[in-house]
Amino acid sequence: MPPHLRDSLQDLLALTCPTFSLTAQDSASDQPTTDFEAMHWSWYYKYGTSGDGVPRDVHPYCLDRAGCMRTNHSQFILYMSQETFEHEDLYHHFVEVFSGIFEWVRQNLKSQLPEEYEMIAQFSTILPENASCPTHPFTSLVLNINACTRVHRDSGDLHFCLVMPIGQFQGGSLVLVEPGLVLDLRQGDFAVFQSCDVSHFNLNYIGRHASLVLHTDRGMETWRKNQNNWSHNIYLQYFQEGEQED
């Protein structure tokens, strides 16, 4: 990453998220490894309602699940996380200020990992109402503050994720268990790996440590394939690239 972008990351974070406290810590003694602030600005479809067996010509809002007291009519299509709406101004401010960072990441990801880029980019082009995604080719952005994680896999991620640390710290290396890798990432470095299949965690650190995580929700695959069985419904028709409406 160019020095002018790398050196600005911590200041940009402080500018856009003044309510978050990125403090100097010794994570081995100051806090449990699972206790840190996080913000999830994401497009989801993990709890999407299936259209299997529904009538072709009935609007989804007129349908109710048999045997259920309540039908969730807000998850027929792709939807954004609740945190995006609860912190909408913060989200828009953050993606505007970090737009140069996201563009640099996008260009480097496309040039260095072109096949992986195309694999994941198709999902950010199918958002409702032609919505654009500032973290293209990914559809989700997670901001972790004072982050130090235990070993885990992100089963809800599709294919792979991108992790970039922010801050001045010692330690905090990213450990990929199955490949046997310990990545000593510094501010502005990023790593791309299959977060759904590879167990990973951060080593303890001393200093100020945050991270940006870009990923795509696994539920997008179901929507991309056949709109989770809603593709036959005339009110939720989705036309693939090159297809024309009758």
Protein backbone atom coordinates (compact mmCIF):
# COMPACT_ATOMS: atom_id res chain seq x y z
CA MET A 1 0.00 0.00 0.00
CA PRO A 2 1.35 3.47 -0.83
CA PRO A 3 2.76 5.25 2.24
CA HIS A 4 0.26 8.11 2.06
CA LEU A 5 -2.62 5.64 2.36
CA ARG A 6 -0.95 3.31 4.86
CA ASP A 7 0.08 6.11 7.21
CA SER A 8 -3.39 7.66 7.22
CA LEU A 9 -5.38 4.58 8.24
CA GLN A 10 -5.44 5.07 12.00
CA ASP A 11 -6.22 8.78 11.66
CA LEU A 12 -9.04 8.03 9.21
CA LEU A 13 -10.49 5.54 11.65
CA ALA A 14 -10.40 8.08 14.48
CA LEU A 15 -12.00 10.69 12.20
CA THR A 16 -14.88 8.50 11.07
CA CYS A 17 -15.55 6.57 14.29
CA PRO A 18 -14.92 8.95 17.23
CA THR A 19 -17.32 6.99 19.46
CA PHE A 20 -15.15 3.87 19.19
CA SER A 21 -12.26 3.75 21.61
CA LEU A 22 -9.13 2.40 19.92
CA THR A 23 -6.97 2.25 23.04
CA ALA A 24 -3.47 1.06 23.77
CA GLN A 25 -3.77 -2.39 25.32
CA ASP A 26 -1.95 -5.53 26.28
CA SER A 27 -4.52 -8.04 25.08
CA ALA A 28 -2.99 -10.86 27.11
CA SER A 29 -3.88 -9.15 30.38
CA ASP A 30 -6.34 -6.31 29.73
CA GLN A 31 -9.40 -8.16 28.42
CA PRO A 32 -10.83 -11.53 27.40
CA THR A 33 -9.94 -12.44 23.83
CA THR A 34 -13.58 -12.44 22.74
CA ASP A 35 -14.45 -9.02 24.17
CA PHE A 36 -14.08 -6.31 21.54
CA GLU A 37 -16.25 -3.82 19.69
CA ALA A 38 -17.39 -4.66 16.18
CA MET A 39 -19.59 -3.11 13.53
CA HIS A 40 -21.16 -5.23 10.77
CA TRP A 41 -22.25 -3.35 7.64
CA SER A 42 -23.39 -6.22 5.46
CA TRP A 43 -25.70 -7.51 2.78
CA TYR A 44 -27.24 -10.78 3.98
CA TYR A 45 -29.39 -13.63 2.82
CA LYS A 46 -28.57 -16.19 5.50
CA TYR A 47 -32.14 -16.28 6.85
CA GLY A 48 -33.91 -15.74 3.54
CA THR A 49 -37.42 -17.13 3.16
CA SER A 50 -37.64 -19.82 0.49
CA GLY A 51 -40.13 -19.49 -2.37
CA ASP A 52 -40.38 -23.26 -2.81
CA GLY A 53 -43.96 -24.20 -3.69
CA VAL A 54 -45.41 -20.68 -3.60
CA PRO A 55 -47.86 -19.58 -6.34
CA ARG A 56 -46.44 -17.88 -9.39
CA ASP A 57 -48.90 -14.97 -9.46
CA VAL A 58 -49.32 -14.06 -5.78
CA HIS A 59 -47.32 -11.17 -4.31
CA PRO A 60 -44.99 -12.35 -1.50
CA TYR A 61 -46.51 -9.81 0.90
CA CYS A 62 -49.83 -11.64 0.52
CA LEU A 63 -48.36 -14.98 1.59
CA ASP A 64 -48.20 -16.46 5.07
CA ARG A 65 -46.39 -19.55 6.33
CA ALA A 66 -48.74 -22.41 7.16
CA GLY A 67 -48.77 -23.21 10.86
CA CYS A 68 -46.89 -20.04 11.83
CA MET A 69 -48.25 -17.09 13.79
CA ARG A 70 -45.95 -14.66 12.00
CA THR A 71 -44.32 -14.54 8.58
CA ASN A 72 -41.17 -12.47 8.11
CA HIS A 73 -41.91 -10.48 4.95
CA SER A 74 -38.65 -8.51 5.13
CA GLN A 75 -36.36 -11.37 4.07
CA PHE A 76 -37.71 -12.46 0.69
CA ILE A 77 -34.83 -10.66 -1.03
CA LEU A 78 -31.29 -9.65 -0.08
CA TYR A 79 -31.26 -7.29 2.89
CA MET A 80 -28.78 -5.16 4.82
CA SER A 81 -27.80 -5.76 8.43
CA GLN A 82 -29.69 -4.00 11.19
CA GLU A 83 -26.50 -2.20 12.23
CA THR A 84 -26.38 -0.51 8.83
CA PHE A 85 -29.73 1.17 9.51
CA GLU A 86 -29.02 1.88 13.18
CA HIS A 87 -25.75 3.61 12.25
CA GLU A 88 -26.58 4.78 8.74
CA ASP A 89 -24.80 8.15 8.94
CA LEU A 90 -21.68 6.51 10.34
CA TYR A 91 -21.75 3.88 7.60
CA HIS A 92 -22.00 6.43 4.77
CA HIS A 93 -19.32 8.61 6.33
CA PHE A 94 -16.99 5.64 6.79
CA VAL A 95 -17.26 4.31 3.25
CA GLU A 96 -16.82 7.82 1.83
CA VAL A 97 -13.66 8.50 3.84
CA PHE A 98 -12.24 5.02 3.16
CA SER A 99 -13.21 5.00 -0.53
CA GLY A 100 -9.58 5.44 -1.62
CA ILE A 101 -8.53 2.48 0.51
CA PHE A 102 -11.29 0.29 -0.90
CA GLU A 103 -10.40 1.25 -4.46
CA TRP A 104 -6.72 0.44 -3.91
CA VAL A 105 -7.69 -2.95 -2.44
CA ARG A 106 -10.05 -3.64 -5.34
CA GLN A 107 -7.43 -2.89 -7.98
CA ASN A 108 -4.76 -5.00 -6.30
CA LEU A 109 -7.10 -7.89 -5.66
CA LYS A 110 -8.19 -7.88 -9.30
CA SER A 111 -4.62 -7.80 -10.60
CA GLN A 112 -3.09 -10.30 -8.16
CA LEU A 113 -5.99 -12.75 -7.80
CA PRO A 114 -8.07 -12.32 -10.97
CA GLU A 115 -9.89 -15.68 -10.79
CA GLU A 116 -10.83 -15.23 -7.14
CA TYR A 117 -11.88 -11.66 -7.87
CA GLU A 118 -14.30 -12.72 -10.60
CA MET A 119 -15.58 -15.57 -8.46
CA ILE A 120 -16.72 -13.22 -5.71
CA ALA A 121 -17.51 -10.10 -7.78
CA GLN A 122 -20.60 -11.65 -9.38
CA PHE A 123 -22.44 -11.47 -6.07
CA SER A 124 -22.03 -7.72 -5.61
CA THR A 125 -23.72 -7.09 -8.97
CA ILE A 126 -27.07 -8.66 -8.03
CA LEU A 127 -28.08 -6.36 -5.19
CA PRO A 128 -31.69 -5.08 -5.14
CA GLU A 129 -32.54 -1.91 -7.07
CA ASN A 130 -29.11 -1.97 -8.72
CA ALA A 131 -27.51 -0.96 -5.43
CA SER A 132 -23.76 -0.47 -5.57
CA CYS A 133 -21.38 -1.88 -3.00
CA PRO A 134 -18.50 0.37 -1.86
CA THR A 135 -16.44 -2.70 -0.93
CA HIS A 136 -16.82 -4.37 -4.33
CA PRO A 137 -16.11 -7.20 -5.06
CA PHE A 138 -17.21 -8.04 -1.50
CA THR A 139 -20.66 -7.23 -0.16
CA SER A 140 -19.93 -6.97 3.56
CA LEU A 141 -17.69 -4.81 5.72
CA VAL A 142 -16.80 -5.59 9.33
CA LEU A 143 -14.88 -3.18 11.54
CA ASN A 144 -13.27 -4.71 14.63
CA ILE A 145 -11.92 -2.44 17.39
CA ASN A 146 -9.32 -3.66 19.92
CA ALA A 147 -9.60 -7.02 18.19
CA CYS A 148 -8.01 -10.24 19.37
CA THR A 149 -9.91 -13.40 18.42
CA ARG A 150 -9.91 -17.02 19.47
CA VAL A 151 -9.57 -19.80 16.91
CA HIS A 152 -12.65 -20.01 14.71
CA ARG A 153 -14.02 -20.46 11.22
CA ASP A 154 -16.54 -18.09 9.61
CA SER A 155 -19.04 -20.63 8.31
CA GLY A 156 -21.27 -17.88 6.94
CA ASP A 157 -18.59 -16.52 4.59
CA LEU A 158 -18.65 -17.35 0.89
CA HIS A 159 -15.34 -18.58 -0.58
CA PHE A 160 -12.89 -16.24 1.14
CA CYS A 161 -12.44 -13.01 3.06
CA LEU A 162 -9.93 -10.16 3.20
CA VAL A 163 -8.40 -8.95 6.49
CA MET A 164 -6.48 -5.69 6.97
CA PRO A 165 -5.15 -4.53 10.35
CA ILE A 166 -5.19 -0.88 11.41
CA GLY A 167 -3.13 0.67 14.19
CA GLN A 168 0.31 0.67 15.72
CA PHE A 169 0.97 -2.53 17.67
CA GLN A 170 3.38 -5.33 18.39
CA GLY A 171 2.32 -8.95 18.01
CA GLY A 172 -1.24 -9.59 16.82
CA SER A 173 -0.18 -11.91 13.99
CA LEU A 174 -2.90 -13.68 12.01
CA VAL A 175 -2.59 -17.46 12.43
CA LEU A 176 -4.01 -19.81 9.76
CA VAL A 177 -4.11 -23.17 11.49
CA GLU A 178 -4.45 -25.82 8.77
CA PRO A 179 -1.87 -24.28 6.38
CA GLY A 180 0.45 -23.71 9.35
CA LEU A 181 0.97 -20.01 8.56
CA VAL A 182 1.64 -17.10 10.91
CA LEU A 183 1.19 -13.80 9.06
CA ASP A 184 2.85 -10.81 10.67
CA LEU A 185 0.52 -8.23 9.15
CA ARG A 186 1.13 -4.57 9.84
CA GLN A 187 -1.14 -1.57 9.25
CA GLY A 188 -2.17 -1.50 5.58
CA ASP A 189 -1.15 -5.08 4.79
CA PHE A 190 -3.94 -7.46 3.84
CA ALA A 191 -4.43 -11.21 3.63
CA VAL A 192 -6.99 -13.15 1.60
CA PHE A 193 -7.90 -16.67 2.68
CA GLN A 194 -10.79 -19.15 2.80
CA SER A 195 -12.27 -18.06 6.11
CA CYS A 196 -15.08 -20.62 5.98
CA ASP A 197 -12.67 -23.57 5.74
CA VAL A 198 -9.48 -22.40 7.44
CA SER A 199 -9.37 -22.08 11.25
CA HIS A 200 -7.83 -18.74 12.20
CA PHE A 201 -7.16 -16.41 15.11
CA ASN A 202 -5.01 -13.47 16.24
CA LEU A 203 -2.09 -13.69 18.62
CA ASN A 204 -2.06 -11.31 21.56
CA TYR A 205 -0.80 -7.80 20.90
CA ILE A 206 0.47 -4.70 22.67
CA GLY A 207 -0.66 -1.33 21.31
CA ARG A 208 -3.65 -0.17 19.30
CA HIS A 209 -5.17 -2.82 17.05
CA ALA A 210 -8.25 -2.73 14.82
CA SER A 211 -9.08 -4.58 11.63
CA LEU A 212 -11.16 -4.27 8.49
CA VAL A 213 -12.71 -7.49 7.24
CA LEU A 214 -14.33 -7.72 3.80
CA HIS A 215 -16.42 -10.77 2.98
CA THR A 216 -19.57 -11.99 1.23
CA ASP A 217 -22.44 -13.83 2.88
CA ARG A 218 -22.78 -17.49 1.88
CA GLY A 219 -26.53 -17.02 1.42
CA MET A 220 -25.80 -14.96 -1.68
CA GLU A 221 -25.05 -18.20 -3.53
CA THR A 222 -28.63 -19.39 -3.13
CA TRP A 223 -29.98 -16.06 -4.35
CA ARG A 224 -27.61 -15.99 -7.32
CA LYS A 225 -28.64 -19.49 -8.40
CA ASN A 226 -32.46 -19.19 -8.47
CA GLN A 227 -33.42 -16.43 -6.02
CA ASN A 228 -33.95 -19.07 -3.33
CA ASN A 229 -36.75 -20.60 -5.43
CA TRP A 230 -38.48 -17.25 -6.05
CA SER A 231 -37.39 -16.98 -9.69
CA HIS A 232 -40.75 -18.29 -10.94
CA ASN A 233 -42.74 -15.64 -9.07
CA ILE A 234 -43.71 -12.78 -11.37
CA TYR A 235 -43.21 -10.21 -8.61
CA LEU A 236 -39.65 -11.27 -7.83
CA GLN A 237 -38.35 -12.04 -11.29
CA TYR A 238 -34.65 -11.50 -11.65
CA PHE A 239 -33.09 -11.40 -15.08
CA GLN A 240 -29.58 -12.73 -15.52
CA GLU A 241 -27.15 -10.71 -17.60
CA GLY A 242 -28.15 -10.95 -21.23
CA GLU A 243 -31.71 -12.11 -20.58
CA GLN A 244 -34.62 -9.99 -21.76
CA GLU A 245 -38.08 -9.57 -20.32
CA ASP A 246 -40.82 -11.24 -22.37
